[in-house]
Structures are given as C-alpha cells and as structure tokens.
C-alpha cells in the first residue's frame, strides 16, 4: 500500500516539473500597463503635492 502511494507521488512530481518547464510566450500589453500605471501614479502625485502644500502652510503660519 505504501509503495503505491510513493509511485503516485513520483508521477505527480514529474507532471508538475514538466508543466513548470514549459516556456510561455505571453507578452504584456504596454497600453494597458501604462493606463493602470497612470491610474495609480496620478493620485499619488496629487496627494504628494497636497501634503507639501499643507506642510508649507503650517511652516509659514508658525514662522
């Protein structure tokens, strides 16, 4: 019984190894990447300049 389980595990390991070694020919879509990059980066820049403005106003208020 134990020998049958070991053979089954070895077969599964070889199948997994074959699947992982297969080359993939998929490429990314540069337009989609740029679009989602802009969706993320524009709000970050807006918040960055907003924080700079807040700190600038606080520094000018107490100086």
PDB file of N, CA and C in Angstrom:
ATOM      1  N   UNK A   1       0.825  -1.197   0.000  1.00  0.00           N
ATOM      2  CA  UNK A   1       0.000   0.000   0.000  1.00  0.00           C
ATOM      3  C   UNK A   1       0.869   1.261   0.000  1.00  0.00           C
ATOM      4  N   UNK A   2       1.898   1.232   0.806  1.00  0.00           N
ATOM      5  CA  UNK A   2       2.778   2.403   0.880  1.00  0.00           C
ATOM      6  C   UNK A   2       3.548   2.604  -0.431  1.00  0.00           C
ATOM      7  N   UNK A   3       3.936   1.545  -1.071  1.00  0.00           N
ATOM      8  CA  UNK A   3       4.663   1.633  -2.331  1.00  0.00           C
ATOM      9  C   UNK A   3       3.793   2.267  -3.419  1.00  0.00           C
ATOM     10  N   UNK A   4       2.510   1.961  -3.440  1.00  0.00           N
ATOM     11  CA  UNK A   4       1.617   2.549  -4.441  1.00  0.00           C
ATOM     12  C   UNK A   4       1.518   4.054  -4.239  1.00  0.00           C
ATOM     13  N   UNK A   5       1.457   4.502  -3.024  1.00  0.00           N
ATOM     14  CA  UNK A   5       1.383   5.940  -2.765  1.00  0.00           C
ATOM     15  C   UNK A   5       2.654   6.644  -3.204  1.00  0.00           C
ATOM     16  N   UNK A   6       3.801   6.020  -2.966  1.00  0.00           N
ATOM     17  CA  UNK A   6       5.058   6.629  -3.388  1.00  0.00           C
ATOM     18  C   UNK A   6       5.130   6.760  -4.901  1.00  0.00           C
ATOM     19  N   UNK A   7       4.678   5.739  -5.627  1.00  0.00           N
ATOM     20  CA  UNK A   7       4.685   5.817  -7.084  1.00  0.00           C
ATOM     21  C   UNK A   7       3.770   6.931  -7.571  1.00  0.00           C
ATOM     22  N   UNK A   8       2.638   7.082  -6.926  1.00  0.00           N
ATOM     23  CA  UNK A   8       1.693   8.126  -7.311  1.00  0.00           C
ATOM     24  C   UNK A   8       2.297   9.505  -7.077  1.00  0.00           C
ATOM     25  N   UNK A   9       2.991   9.684  -5.968  1.00  0.00           N
ATOM     26  CA  UNK A   9       3.633  10.965  -5.677  1.00  0.00           C
ATOM     27  C   UNK A   9       4.720  11.258  -6.702  1.00  0.00           C
ATOM     28  N   UNK A  10       5.511  10.270  -7.065  1.00  0.00           N
ATOM     29  CA  UNK A  10       6.564  10.475  -8.056  1.00  0.00           C
ATOM     30  C   UNK A  10       5.992  10.867  -9.408  1.00  0.00           C
ATOM     31  N   UNK A  11       4.892  10.257  -9.798  1.00  0.00           N
ATOM     32  CA  UNK A  11       4.251  10.592 -11.071  1.00  0.00           C
ATOM     33  C   UNK A  11       3.756  12.030 -11.037  1.00  0.00           C
ATOM     34  N   UNK A  12       3.136  12.426  -9.927  1.00  0.00           N
ATOM     35  CA  UNK A  12       2.641  13.808  -9.821  1.00  0.00           C
ATOM     36  C   UNK A  12       3.787  14.803  -9.861  1.00  0.00           C
ATOM     37  N   UNK A  13       4.914  14.480  -9.224  1.00  0.00           N
ATOM     38  CA  UNK A  13       6.046  15.394  -9.233  1.00  0.00           C
ATOM     39  C   UNK A  13       6.608  15.571 -10.640  1.00  0.00           C
ATOM     40  N   UNK A  14       6.668  14.516 -11.420  1.00  0.00           N
ATOM     41  CA  UNK A  14       7.195  14.659 -12.781  1.00  0.00           C
ATOM     42  C   UNK A  14       6.242  15.462 -13.651  1.00  0.00           C
ATOM     43  N   UNK A  15       4.952  15.313 -13.458  1.00  0.00           N
ATOM     44  CA  UNK A  15       3.988  16.095 -14.238  1.00  0.00           C
ATOM     45  C   UNK A  15       4.108  17.559 -13.887  1.00  0.00           C
ATOM     46  N   UNK A  16       4.240  17.881 -12.601  1.00  0.00           N
ATOM     47  CA  UNK A  16       4.388  19.277 -12.181  1.00  0.00           C
ATOM     48  C   UNK A  16       5.681  19.856 -12.747  1.00  0.00           C
ATOM     49  N   UNK A  17       6.763  19.090 -12.720  1.00  0.00           N
ATOM     50  CA  UNK A  17       8.029  19.552 -13.271  1.00  0.00           C
ATOM     51  C   UNK A  17       7.940  19.832 -14.753  1.00  0.00           C
ATOM     52  N   UNK A  18       7.214  19.026 -15.492  1.00  0.00           N
ATOM     53  CA  UNK A  18       7.057  19.252 -16.929  1.00  0.00           C
ATOM     54  C   UNK A  18       6.228  20.496 -17.200  1.00  0.00           C
ATOM     55  N   UNK A  19       5.214  20.725 -16.392  1.00  0.00           N
ATOM     56  CA  UNK A  19       4.376  21.910 -16.602  1.00  0.00           C
ATOM     57  C   UNK A  19       5.148  23.195 -16.318  1.00  0.00           C
ATOM     58  N   UNK A  20       6.007  23.185 -15.306  1.00  0.00           N
ATOM     59  CA  UNK A  20       6.752  24.380 -14.954  1.00  0.00           C
ATOM     60  C   UNK A  20       7.848  24.698 -15.954  1.00  0.00           C
ATOM     61  N   UNK A  21       8.385  23.697 -16.609  1.00  0.00           N
ATOM     62  CA  UNK A  21       9.480  23.947 -17.532  1.00  0.00           C
ATOM     63  C   UNK A  21       8.998  24.377 -18.914  1.00  0.00           C
ATOM     64  N   UNK A  22       7.712  24.343 -19.168  1.00  0.00           N
ATOM     65  CA  UNK A  22       7.189  24.738 -20.473  1.00  0.00           C
ATOM     66  C   UNK A  22       7.322  26.254 -20.636  1.00  0.00           C
ATOM     67  N   UNK A  23       7.909  26.708 -21.749  1.00  0.00           N
ATOM     68  CA  UNK A  23       8.072  28.158 -21.934  1.00  0.00           C
ATOM     69  C   UNK A  23       6.733  28.821 -22.244  1.00  0.00           C
ATOM     70  N   UNK A  24       6.557  30.005 -21.707  1.00  0.00           N
ATOM     71  CA  UNK A  24       5.350  30.770 -22.001  1.00  0.00           C
ATOM     72  C   UNK A  24       5.705  31.874 -22.985  1.00  0.00           C
ATOM     73  N   UNK A  25       4.850  32.088 -23.933  1.00  0.00           N
ATOM     74  CA  UNK A  25       5.101  33.090 -24.964  1.00  0.00           C
ATOM     75  C   UNK A  25       4.159  34.279 -24.827  1.00  0.00           C
ATOM     76  N   UNK A  26       3.591  34.434 -23.647  1.00  0.00           N
ATOM     77  CA  UNK A  26       2.684  35.555 -23.446  1.00  0.00           C
ATOM     78  C   UNK A  26       3.492  36.825 -23.190  1.00  0.00           C
ATOM     79  N   UNK A  27       3.023  37.913 -23.743  1.00  0.00           N
ATOM     80  CA  UNK A  27       3.669  39.201 -23.507  1.00  0.00           C
ATOM     81  C   UNK A  27       2.653  40.145 -22.900  1.00  0.00           C
ATOM     82  N   UNK A  28       3.134  41.153 -22.203  1.00  0.00           N
ATOM     83  CA  UNK A  28       2.246  42.121 -21.582  1.00  0.00           C
ATOM     84  C   UNK A  28       1.749  43.128 -22.591  1.00  0.00           C
ATOM     85  N   UNK A  29       0.621  43.732 -22.285  1.00  0.00           N
ATOM     86  CA  UNK A  29       0.054  44.775 -23.125  1.00  0.00           C
ATOM     87  C   UNK A  29       0.562  46.112 -22.592  1.00  0.00           C
ATOM     88  N   UNK A  30       1.414  46.788 -23.371  1.00  0.00           N
ATOM     89  CA  UNK A  30       2.050  48.013 -22.878  1.00  0.00           C
ATOM     90  C   UNK A  30       1.025  49.129 -22.670  1.00  0.00           C
ATOM     91  N   UNK A  31       0.010  49.197 -23.495  1.00  0.00           N
ATOM     92  CA  UNK A  31      -1.012  50.226 -23.325  1.00  0.00           C
ATOM     93  C   UNK A  31      -1.788  50.045 -22.044  1.00  0.00           C
ATOM     94  N   UNK A  32      -2.128  48.822 -21.754  1.00  0.00           N
ATOM     95  CA  UNK A  32      -2.855  48.541 -20.511  1.00  0.00           C
ATOM     96  C   UNK A  32      -1.981  48.830 -19.293  1.00  0.00           C
ATOM     97  N   UNK A  33      -0.701  48.487 -19.381  1.00  0.00           N
ATOM     98  CA  UNK A  33       0.211  48.777 -18.292  1.00  0.00           C
ATOM     99  C   UNK A  33       0.362  50.272 -18.050  1.00  0.00           C
ATOM    100  N   UNK A  34       0.480  51.033 -19.132  1.00  0.00           N
ATOM    101  CA  UNK A  34       0.581  52.490 -18.982  1.00  0.00           C
ATOM    102  C   UNK A  34      -0.690  53.081 -18.386  1.00  0.00           C
ATOM    103  N   UNK A  35      -1.834  52.560 -18.808  1.00  0.00           N
ATOM    104  CA  UNK A  35      -3.110  53.066 -18.298  1.00  0.00           C
ATOM    105  C   UNK A  35      -3.224  52.848 -16.796  1.00  0.00           C
ATOM    106  N   UNK A  36      -2.954  51.607 -16.342  1.00  0.00           N
ATOM    107  CA  UNK A  36      -3.069  51.333 -14.917  1.00  0.00           C
ATOM    108  C   UNK A  36      -1.959  52.030 -14.129  1.00  0.00           C
ATOM    109  N   UNK A  37      -0.793  52.215 -14.738  1.00  0.00           N
ATOM    110  CA  UNK A  37       0.266  52.970 -14.074  1.00  0.00           C
ATOM    111  C   UNK A  37      -0.142  54.410 -13.836  1.00  0.00           C
ATOM    112  N   UNK A  38      -0.818  55.007 -14.831  1.00  0.00           N
ATOM    113  CA  UNK A  38      -1.290  56.381 -14.654  1.00  0.00           C
ATOM    114  C   UNK A  38      -2.394  56.457 -13.610  1.00  0.00           C
ATOM    115  N   UNK A  39      -3.274  55.441 -13.591  1.00  0.00           N
ATOM    116  CA  UNK A  39      -4.334  55.446 -12.590  1.00  0.00           C
ATOM    117  C   UNK A  39      -3.768  55.440 -11.179  1.00  0.00           C
ATOM    118  N   UNK A  40      -2.664  54.762 -10.996  1.00  0.00           N
ATOM    119  CA  UNK A  40      -2.050  54.704  -9.671  1.00  0.00           C
ATOM    120  C   UNK A  40      -1.206  55.943  -9.394  1.00  0.00           C
ATOM    121  N   UNK A  41      -0.420  56.383 -10.371  1.00  0.00           N
ATOM    122  CA  UNK A  41       0.564  57.425 -10.100  1.00  0.00           C
ATOM    123  C   UNK A  41      -0.040  58.826 -10.001  1.00  0.00           C
ATOM    124  N   UNK A  42      -1.057  59.135 -10.770  1.00  0.00           N
ATOM    125  CA  UNK A  42      -1.625  60.489 -10.736  1.00  0.00           C
ATOM    126  C   UNK A  42      -2.195  60.815  -9.358  1.00  0.00           C
ATOM    127  N   UNK A  43      -3.008  59.961  -8.731  1.00  0.00           N
ATOM    128  CA  UNK A  43      -3.460  60.289  -7.377  1.00  0.00           C
ATOM    129  C   UNK A  43      -2.317  60.380  -6.367  1.00  0.00           C
ATOM    130  N   UNK A  44      -1.268  59.596  -6.561  1.00  0.00           N
ATOM    131  CA  UNK A  44      -0.127  59.684  -5.645  1.00  0.00           C
ATOM    132  C   UNK A  44       0.568  61.030  -5.772  1.00  0.00           C
ATOM    133  N   UNK A  45       0.740  61.520  -6.992  1.00  0.00           N
ATOM    134  CA  UNK A  45       1.366  62.826  -7.173  1.00  0.00           C
ATOM    135  C   UNK A  45       0.479  63.933  -6.628  1.00  0.00           C
ATOM    136  N   UNK A  46      -0.837  63.824  -6.830  1.00  0.00           N
ATOM    137  CA  UNK A  46      -1.757  64.845  -6.300  1.00  0.00           C
ATOM    138  C   UNK A  46      -1.670  64.888  -4.777  1.00  0.00           C
ATOM    139  N   UNK A  47      -1.655  63.716  -4.146  1.00  0.00           N
ATOM    140  CA  UNK A  47      -1.572  63.693  -2.688  1.00  0.00           C
ATOM    141  C   UNK A  47      -0.210  64.195  -2.210  1.00  0.00           C
ATOM    142  N   UNK A  48       0.860  63.886  -2.953  1.00  0.00           N
ATOM    143  CA  UNK A  48       2.195  64.350  -2.576  1.00  0.00           C
ATOM    144  C   UNK A  48       2.239  65.878  -2.577  1.00  0.00           C
ATOM    145  N   UNK A  49       1.738  66.504  -3.662  1.00  0.00           N
ATOM    146  CA  UNK A  49       1.745  67.962  -3.722  1.00  0.00           C
ATOM    147  C   UNK A  49       0.785  68.566  -2.707  1.00  0.00           C
ATOM    148  N   UNK A  50      -0.288  67.866  -2.397  1.00  0.00           N
ATOM    149  CA  UNK A  50      -1.205  68.341  -1.354  1.00  0.00           C
ATOM    150  C   UNK A  50      -0.533  68.357   0.007  1.00  0.00           C
ATOM    151  N   UNK A  51       0.212  67.283   0.338  1.00  0.00           N
ATOM    152  CA  UNK A  51       0.941  67.256   1.617  1.00  0.00           C
ATOM    153  C   UNK A  51       2.013  68.332   1.650  1.00  0.00           C
ATOM    154  N   UNK A  52       2.699  68.558   0.544  1.00  0.00           N
ATOM    155  CA  UNK A  52       3.691  69.637   0.516  1.00  0.00           C
ATOM    156  C   UNK A  52       3.039  70.985   0.789  1.00  0.00           C
ATOM    157  N   UNK A  53       1.875  71.194   0.210  1.00  0.00           N
ATOM    158  CA  UNK A  53       1.168  72.459   0.420  1.00  0.00           C
ATOM    159  C   UNK A  53       0.742  72.610   1.882  1.00  0.00           C
ATOM    160  N   UNK A  54       0.265  71.525   2.483  1.00  0.00           N
ATOM    161  CA  UNK A  54      -0.132  71.574   3.900  1.00  0.00           C
ATOM    162  C   UNK A  54       1.066  71.908   4.779  1.00  0.00           C
ATOM    163  N   UNK A  55       2.191  71.209   4.561  1.00  0.00           N
ATOM    164  CA  UNK A  55       3.383  71.481   5.367  1.00  0.00           C
ATOM    165  C   UNK A  55       3.899  72.896   5.141  1.00  0.00           C
ATOM    166  N   UNK A  56       3.859  73.353   3.897  1.00  0.00           N
ATOM    167  CA  UNK A  56       4.302  74.718   3.601  1.00  0.00           C
ATOM    168  C   UNK A  56       3.445  75.740   4.326  1.00  0.00           C
ATOM    169  N   UNK A  57       2.128  75.526   4.320  1.00  0.00           N
ATOM    170  CA  UNK A  57       1.231  76.448   5.017  1.00  0.00           C
ATOM    171  C   UNK A  57       1.456  76.412   6.530  1.00  0.00           C
ATOM    172  N   UNK A  58       1.705  75.223   7.082  1.00  0.00           N
ATOM    173  CA  UNK A  58       1.951  75.131   8.525  1.00  0.00           C
ATOM    174  C   UNK A  58       3.270  75.811   8.897  1.00  0.00           C
ATOM    175  N   UNK A  59       4.292  75.642   8.079  1.00  0.00           N
ATOM    176  CA  UNK A  59       5.579  76.277   8.364  1.00  0.00           C
ATOM    177  C   UNK A  59       5.451  77.792   8.288  1.00  0.00           C
ATOM    178  N   UNK A  60       4.768  78.314   7.282  1.00  0.00           N
ATOM    179  CA  UNK A  60       4.590  79.755   7.152  1.00  0.00           C
ATOM    180  C   UNK A  60       3.725  80.327   8.261  1.00  0.00           C
ATOM    181  N   UNK A  61       2.782  79.540   8.782  1.00  0.00           N
ATOM    182  CA  UNK A  61       1.889  80.013   9.832  1.00  0.00           C
ATOM    183  C   UNK A  61       2.630  80.196  11.147  1.00  0.00           C
ATOM    184  N   UNK A  62       3.599  79.327  11.441  1.00  0.00           N
ATOM    185  CA  UNK A  62       4.284  79.366  12.732  1.00  0.00           C
ATOM    186  C   UNK A  62       5.631  80.077  12.663  1.00  0.00           C
ATOM    187  N   UNK A  63       6.028  80.558  11.485  1.00  0.00           N
ATOM    188  CA  UNK A  63       7.303  81.286  11.397  1.00  0.00           C
ATOM    189  C   UNK A  63       7.065  82.769  11.454  1.00  0.00           C
TER     190      UNK A  63
END
